[in-house]
Amino acid sequence: MARQAFVKFLEEHDQITIAVEGRRSERTIANPVWFVLHEGSLWLLPVRGSRTEWYRNLLVSPRIKIQTGREELNALARTVDDPKTVKLVVEWFKEKYTSTEIARYYTGLDVAVEVPNVL
C-alpha cells in the first residue's frame, strides 16, 4: 500500500523533497526539487548543474531519500554527466515544466541524476 501511495504522489505532483548526506558535515540535508518520471526511473536536474551542493554531495555518497508527502523511499542515485543524456533529461523537464520555467530557474545544465527503478 505504501508503494502505491508513493507512486500516486509522484504522478500527481511536480515537486518532491530529497535528502542527501553532506560530504563534509555528514548531516542529512533536505531540498525541494522538481523531477521527471521516465521509464520507471526518477530523474532530477540540479538547478546550478554540477555546482549544486546536493549534487556534489551525491558524488561522494550516492544514498538519497525521496520524500513524497508521508511516504519515503531510500535509494541509490546515479549521477550523469554524459551530454547526450543530460540534453534528453533537459527536454523532459521542458515538456513537464515549460521551457520558460527551466530557463528561469536552471543554470549550468551540465549534469543530471537518475534514481533507477522507482516505479
N, C-alpha and C. Protein backbone atom coordinates (compact mmCIF):
# COMPACT_ATOMS: atom_id res chain seq x y z
N MET A 1 0.81 -1.19 0.00
CA MET A 1 0.00 0.00 0.00
C MET A 1 0.86 1.26 0.00
N ALA A 2 1.94 1.28 0.77
CA ALA A 2 2.79 2.46 0.83
C ALA A 2 3.41 2.76 -0.53
N ARG A 3 3.81 1.73 -1.26
CA ARG A 3 4.40 1.92 -2.58
C ARG A 3 3.39 2.57 -3.54
N GLN A 4 2.13 2.14 -3.46
CA GLN A 4 1.09 2.71 -4.31
C GLN A 4 0.90 4.20 -4.00
N ALA A 5 0.92 4.56 -2.72
CA ALA A 5 0.77 5.96 -2.33
C ALA A 5 1.96 6.78 -2.83
N PHE A 6 3.14 6.20 -2.77
CA PHE A 6 4.36 6.86 -3.24
C PHE A 6 4.24 7.16 -4.74
N VAL A 7 3.89 6.16 -5.52
CA VAL A 7 3.77 6.31 -6.97
C VAL A 7 2.65 7.29 -7.31
N LYS A 8 1.54 7.21 -6.62
CA LYS A 8 0.41 8.13 -6.87
C LYS A 8 0.85 9.58 -6.63
N PHE A 9 1.59 9.82 -5.56
CA PHE A 9 2.09 11.16 -5.28
C PHE A 9 2.97 11.65 -6.43
N LEU A 10 3.90 10.81 -6.88
CA LEU A 10 4.79 11.19 -7.97
C LEU A 10 4.01 11.55 -9.23
N GLU A 11 2.96 10.80 -9.50
CA GLU A 11 2.17 11.04 -10.70
C GLU A 11 1.34 12.31 -10.61
N GLU A 12 1.02 12.75 -9.39
CA GLU A 12 0.12 13.89 -9.21
C GLU A 12 0.80 15.19 -8.81
N HIS A 13 2.11 15.15 -8.52
CA HIS A 13 2.79 16.35 -8.03
C HIS A 13 3.99 16.71 -8.89
N ASP A 14 4.43 17.94 -8.74
CA ASP A 14 5.58 18.44 -9.51
C ASP A 14 6.84 18.60 -8.67
N GLN A 15 6.73 18.45 -7.38
CA GLN A 15 7.88 18.68 -6.50
C GLN A 15 7.94 17.60 -5.42
N ILE A 16 9.15 17.18 -5.12
CA ILE A 16 9.40 16.24 -4.03
C ILE A 16 10.50 16.83 -3.15
N THR A 17 10.77 16.18 -2.05
CA THR A 17 11.91 16.55 -1.22
C THR A 17 12.90 15.42 -1.27
N ILE A 18 14.16 15.78 -1.50
CA ILE A 18 15.22 14.77 -1.44
C ILE A 18 16.09 15.09 -0.24
N ALA A 19 16.69 14.06 0.31
CA ALA A 19 17.63 14.23 1.42
C ALA A 19 18.89 13.46 1.07
N VAL A 20 20.02 14.13 1.21
CA VAL A 20 21.33 13.53 0.94
C VAL A 20 22.25 13.79 2.12
N GLU A 21 23.34 13.06 2.17
CA GLU A 21 24.31 13.24 3.25
C GLU A 21 25.34 14.27 2.84
N GLY A 22 25.57 15.25 3.71
CA GLY A 22 26.58 16.27 3.44
C GLY A 22 27.96 15.65 3.32
N ARG A 23 28.70 16.03 2.30
CA ARG A 23 30.00 15.41 2.05
C ARG A 23 31.05 15.78 3.10
N ARG A 24 30.88 16.91 3.76
CA ARG A 24 31.81 17.30 4.83
C ARG A 24 31.17 17.15 6.21
N SER A 25 29.94 17.60 6.32
CA SER A 25 29.28 17.59 7.63
C SER A 25 28.73 16.22 7.99
N GLU A 26 28.45 15.40 6.98
CA GLU A 26 27.83 14.09 7.15
C GLU A 26 26.43 14.19 7.75
N ARG A 27 25.87 15.39 7.76
CA ARG A 27 24.49 15.59 8.22
C ARG A 27 23.53 15.38 7.05
N THR A 28 22.31 15.02 7.37
CA THR A 28 21.28 14.88 6.35
C THR A 28 20.79 16.27 5.94
N ILE A 29 20.80 16.52 4.65
CA ILE A 29 20.40 17.81 4.11
C ILE A 29 19.24 17.58 3.15
N ALA A 30 18.13 18.27 3.41
CA ALA A 30 16.93 18.11 2.58
C ALA A 30 16.73 19.31 1.67
N ASN A 31 16.24 19.04 0.47
CA ASN A 31 15.97 20.09 -0.52
C ASN A 31 14.73 19.75 -1.32
N PRO A 32 13.88 20.74 -1.58
CA PRO A 32 12.77 20.51 -2.51
C PRO A 32 13.32 20.57 -3.94
N VAL A 33 12.86 19.66 -4.79
CA VAL A 33 13.32 19.61 -6.18
C VAL A 33 12.18 19.23 -7.11
N TRP A 34 12.33 19.64 -8.35
CA TRP A 34 11.43 19.17 -9.40
C TRP A 34 11.98 17.84 -9.92
N PHE A 35 11.15 17.08 -10.57
CA PHE A 35 11.56 15.77 -11.05
C PHE A 35 10.76 15.41 -12.30
N VAL A 36 11.25 14.39 -12.99
CA VAL A 36 10.55 13.81 -14.13
C VAL A 36 10.62 12.30 -13.97
N LEU A 37 9.51 11.63 -14.24
CA LEU A 37 9.49 10.18 -14.30
C LEU A 37 9.64 9.75 -15.75
N HIS A 38 10.52 8.79 -15.99
CA HIS A 38 10.69 8.29 -17.35
C HIS A 38 11.10 6.83 -17.30
N GLU A 39 10.26 5.97 -17.87
CA GLU A 39 10.53 4.53 -17.96
C GLU A 39 10.95 3.93 -16.62
N GLY A 40 10.23 4.25 -15.58
CA GLY A 40 10.45 3.65 -14.27
C GLY A 40 11.50 4.33 -13.42
N SER A 41 12.23 5.27 -13.99
CA SER A 41 13.25 6.00 -13.23
C SER A 41 12.77 7.40 -12.90
N LEU A 42 13.28 7.91 -11.82
CA LEU A 42 13.03 9.30 -11.43
C LEU A 42 14.28 10.08 -11.79
N TRP A 43 14.10 11.17 -12.52
CA TRP A 43 15.22 11.99 -12.97
C TRP A 43 15.18 13.36 -12.30
N LEU A 44 16.34 13.82 -11.88
CA LEU A 44 16.49 15.11 -11.23
C LEU A 44 17.47 15.95 -12.04
N LEU A 45 17.25 17.24 -12.02
CA LEU A 45 18.12 18.18 -12.72
C LEU A 45 18.57 19.22 -11.70
N PRO A 46 19.83 19.18 -11.28
CA PRO A 46 20.31 20.17 -10.30
C PRO A 46 20.20 21.59 -10.86
N VAL A 47 19.65 22.51 -10.08
CA VAL A 47 19.37 23.86 -10.58
C VAL A 47 20.62 24.63 -10.99
N ARG A 48 21.75 24.35 -10.38
CA ARG A 48 23.00 25.03 -10.75
C ARG A 48 23.98 24.04 -11.38
N GLY A 49 23.44 22.99 -11.96
CA GLY A 49 24.28 21.99 -12.61
C GLY A 49 25.25 21.34 -11.63
N SER A 50 26.46 21.10 -12.10
CA SER A 50 27.46 20.42 -11.28
C SER A 50 27.93 21.26 -10.09
N ARG A 51 27.51 22.52 -10.01
CA ARG A 51 27.86 23.37 -8.87
C ARG A 51 26.83 23.25 -7.73
N THR A 52 25.75 22.55 -7.97
CA THR A 52 24.69 22.39 -6.97
C THR A 52 25.21 21.54 -5.81
N GLU A 53 25.03 22.04 -4.61
CA GLU A 53 25.59 21.35 -3.43
C GLU A 53 25.07 19.93 -3.26
N TRP A 54 23.76 19.73 -3.40
CA TRP A 54 23.26 18.36 -3.19
C TRP A 54 23.80 17.42 -4.25
N TYR A 55 24.04 17.90 -5.46
CA TYR A 55 24.66 17.07 -6.49
C TYR A 55 26.09 16.70 -6.09
N ARG A 56 26.84 17.68 -5.63
CA ARG A 56 28.22 17.42 -5.21
C ARG A 56 28.26 16.44 -4.04
N ASN A 57 27.25 16.50 -3.18
CA ASN A 57 27.17 15.53 -2.08
C ASN A 57 26.92 14.12 -2.62
N LEU A 58 26.10 13.99 -3.65
CA LEU A 58 25.83 12.67 -4.23
C LEU A 58 27.07 12.06 -4.88
N LEU A 59 27.98 12.89 -5.35
CA LEU A 59 29.22 12.37 -5.92
C LEU A 59 30.03 11.62 -4.87
N VAL A 60 29.92 12.04 -3.62
CA VAL A 60 30.66 11.41 -2.52
C VAL A 60 29.88 10.23 -1.95
N SER A 61 28.57 10.42 -1.78
CA SER A 61 27.72 9.36 -1.23
C SER A 61 26.41 9.34 -2.02
N PRO A 62 26.19 8.29 -2.82
CA PRO A 62 25.02 8.26 -3.70
C PRO A 62 23.69 7.92 -3.00
N ARG A 63 23.71 7.78 -1.70
CA ARG A 63 22.47 7.48 -0.99
C ARG A 63 21.54 8.70 -1.01
N ILE A 64 20.28 8.45 -1.33
CA ILE A 64 19.30 9.52 -1.42
C ILE A 64 17.98 9.04 -0.83
N LYS A 65 17.31 9.94 -0.15
CA LYS A 65 15.98 9.65 0.37
C LYS A 65 15.00 10.56 -0.38
N ILE A 66 13.98 9.94 -0.92
CA ILE A 66 12.96 10.68 -1.64
C ILE A 66 11.72 10.71 -0.76
N GLN A 67 11.24 11.92 -0.48
CA GLN A 67 10.08 12.09 0.38
C GLN A 67 8.93 12.65 -0.43
N THR A 68 7.80 11.96 -0.34
CA THR A 68 6.59 12.39 -1.04
C THR A 68 5.46 12.38 -0.03
N GLY A 69 5.12 13.53 0.45
CA GLY A 69 4.09 13.56 1.49
C GLY A 69 4.57 12.80 2.71
N ARG A 70 3.85 11.75 3.07
CA ARG A 70 4.24 10.94 4.23
C ARG A 70 5.05 9.71 3.85
N GLU A 71 5.23 9.48 2.58
CA GLU A 71 5.97 8.30 2.11
C GLU A 71 7.44 8.66 1.85
N GLU A 72 8.31 7.67 2.07
CA GLU A 72 9.75 7.85 1.82
C GLU A 72 10.29 6.64 1.08
N LEU A 73 11.29 6.90 0.27
CA LEU A 73 11.99 5.82 -0.43
C LEU A 73 13.48 6.08 -0.30
N ASN A 74 14.22 5.12 0.21
CA ASN A 74 15.67 5.20 0.25
C ASN A 74 16.21 4.48 -0.98
N ALA A 75 17.14 5.11 -1.66
CA ALA A 75 17.64 4.55 -2.90
C ALA A 75 19.10 4.98 -3.12
N LEU A 76 19.67 4.46 -4.19
CA LEU A 76 20.99 4.89 -4.64
C LEU A 76 20.81 5.68 -5.93
N ALA A 77 21.37 6.86 -5.96
CA ALA A 77 21.27 7.72 -7.14
C ALA A 77 22.47 7.48 -8.05
N ARG A 78 22.26 7.75 -9.32
CA ARG A 78 23.34 7.65 -10.31
C ARG A 78 23.52 9.02 -10.93
N THR A 79 24.71 9.60 -10.74
CA THR A 79 24.99 10.90 -11.35
C THR A 79 25.33 10.69 -12.82
N VAL A 80 24.89 11.64 -13.64
CA VAL A 80 25.06 11.52 -15.09
C VAL A 80 25.68 12.81 -15.62
N ASP A 81 26.79 12.68 -16.34
CA ASP A 81 27.40 13.85 -16.96
C ASP A 81 27.56 13.70 -18.47
N ASP A 82 26.99 12.64 -19.03
CA ASP A 82 27.01 12.44 -20.47
C ASP A 82 26.14 13.51 -21.14
N PRO A 83 26.72 14.34 -22.01
CA PRO A 83 25.97 15.45 -22.60
C PRO A 83 24.69 15.04 -23.33
N LYS A 84 24.70 13.92 -24.02
CA LYS A 84 23.51 13.48 -24.74
C LYS A 84 22.38 13.13 -23.78
N THR A 85 22.72 12.44 -22.71
CA THR A 85 21.70 12.06 -21.72
C THR A 85 21.18 13.29 -21.00
N VAL A 86 22.08 14.19 -20.61
CA VAL A 86 21.66 15.41 -19.92
C VAL A 86 20.73 16.23 -20.82
N LYS A 87 21.05 16.34 -22.08
CA LYS A 87 20.21 17.08 -23.03
C LYS A 87 18.81 16.46 -23.10
N LEU A 88 18.75 15.14 -23.10
CA LEU A 88 17.47 14.45 -23.12
C LEU A 88 16.66 14.74 -21.86
N VAL A 89 17.31 14.70 -20.71
CA VAL A 89 16.64 14.99 -19.43
C VAL A 89 16.13 16.43 -19.42
N VAL A 90 16.93 17.35 -19.93
CA VAL A 90 16.50 18.75 -20.01
C VAL A 90 15.24 18.86 -20.86
N GLU A 91 15.17 18.14 -21.96
CA GLU A 91 13.98 18.17 -22.82
C GLU A 91 12.76 17.62 -22.07
N TRP A 92 12.94 16.55 -21.29
CA TRP A 92 11.83 16.01 -20.49
C TRP A 92 11.34 17.06 -19.49
N PHE A 93 12.29 17.76 -18.88
CA PHE A 93 11.92 18.82 -17.93
C PHE A 93 11.16 19.94 -18.62
N LYS A 94 11.60 20.31 -19.81
CA LYS A 94 10.91 21.37 -20.56
C LYS A 94 9.48 20.95 -20.93
N GLU A 95 9.30 19.67 -21.24
CA GLU A 95 7.96 19.18 -21.56
C GLU A 95 7.04 19.25 -20.34
N LYS A 96 7.58 18.96 -19.18
CA LYS A 96 6.76 18.94 -17.96
C LYS A 96 6.57 20.33 -17.37
N TYR A 97 7.63 21.13 -17.33
CA TYR A 97 7.59 22.42 -16.62
C TYR A 97 7.61 23.64 -17.53
N THR A 98 7.79 23.50 -18.80
CA THR A 98 7.90 24.51 -19.85
C THR A 98 9.33 25.05 -19.97
N SER A 99 9.67 25.45 -21.17
CA SER A 99 11.00 25.99 -21.46
C SER A 99 11.26 27.27 -20.67
N THR A 100 10.22 28.08 -20.51
CA THR A 100 10.35 29.34 -19.79
C THR A 100 10.75 29.11 -18.34
N GLU A 101 10.09 28.17 -17.69
CA GLU A 101 10.40 27.88 -16.28
C GLU A 101 11.81 27.30 -16.13
N ILE A 102 12.20 26.43 -17.03
CA ILE A 102 13.54 25.84 -16.96
C ILE A 102 14.59 26.94 -17.15
N ALA A 103 14.38 27.82 -18.12
CA ALA A 103 15.32 28.93 -18.34
C ALA A 103 15.37 29.87 -17.14
N ARG A 104 14.25 30.05 -16.47
CA ARG A 104 14.18 30.95 -15.32
C ARG A 104 14.94 30.41 -14.11
N TYR A 105 14.83 29.13 -13.85
CA TYR A 105 15.36 28.58 -12.60
C TYR A 105 16.65 27.77 -12.73
N TYR A 106 16.95 27.27 -13.91
CA TYR A 106 18.08 26.35 -14.08
C TYR A 106 19.22 27.01 -14.84
N THR A 107 20.43 26.86 -14.32
CA THR A 107 21.64 27.32 -14.99
C THR A 107 22.66 26.18 -14.98
N GLY A 108 23.61 26.23 -15.87
CA GLY A 108 24.65 25.20 -15.86
C GLY A 108 24.10 23.81 -16.07
N LEU A 109 23.33 23.61 -17.11
CA LEU A 109 22.68 22.33 -17.37
C LEU A 109 23.70 21.31 -17.91
N ASP A 110 24.62 20.90 -17.04
CA ASP A 110 25.69 20.00 -17.47
C ASP A 110 25.63 18.62 -16.83
N VAL A 111 24.70 18.39 -15.90
CA VAL A 111 24.59 17.10 -15.23
C VAL A 111 23.12 16.80 -14.92
N ALA A 112 22.86 15.53 -14.62
CA ALA A 112 21.54 15.09 -14.19
C ALA A 112 21.73 13.97 -13.18
N VAL A 113 20.65 13.56 -12.56
CA VAL A 113 20.69 12.47 -11.58
C VAL A 113 19.55 11.52 -11.89
N GLU A 114 19.86 10.23 -11.91
CA GLU A 114 18.84 9.20 -12.09
C GLU A 114 18.70 8.41 -10.81
N VAL A 115 17.46 8.19 -10.41
CA VAL A 115 17.15 7.25 -9.34
C VAL A 115 16.40 6.13 -10.03
N PRO A 116 17.11 5.03 -10.33
CA PRO A 116 16.50 3.96 -11.15
C PRO A 116 15.46 3.14 -10.38
N ASN A 117 14.57 2.54 -11.15
CA ASN A 117 13.59 1.58 -10.64
C ASN A 117 12.72 2.12 -9.52
N VAL A 118 12.24 3.34 -9.67
CA VAL A 118 11.37 3.94 -8.66
C VAL A 118 9.96 3.39 -8.79
N LEU A 119 9.51 3.17 -10.01
CA LEU A 119 8.15 2.66 -10.22
C LEU A 119 8.15 1.15 -10.30
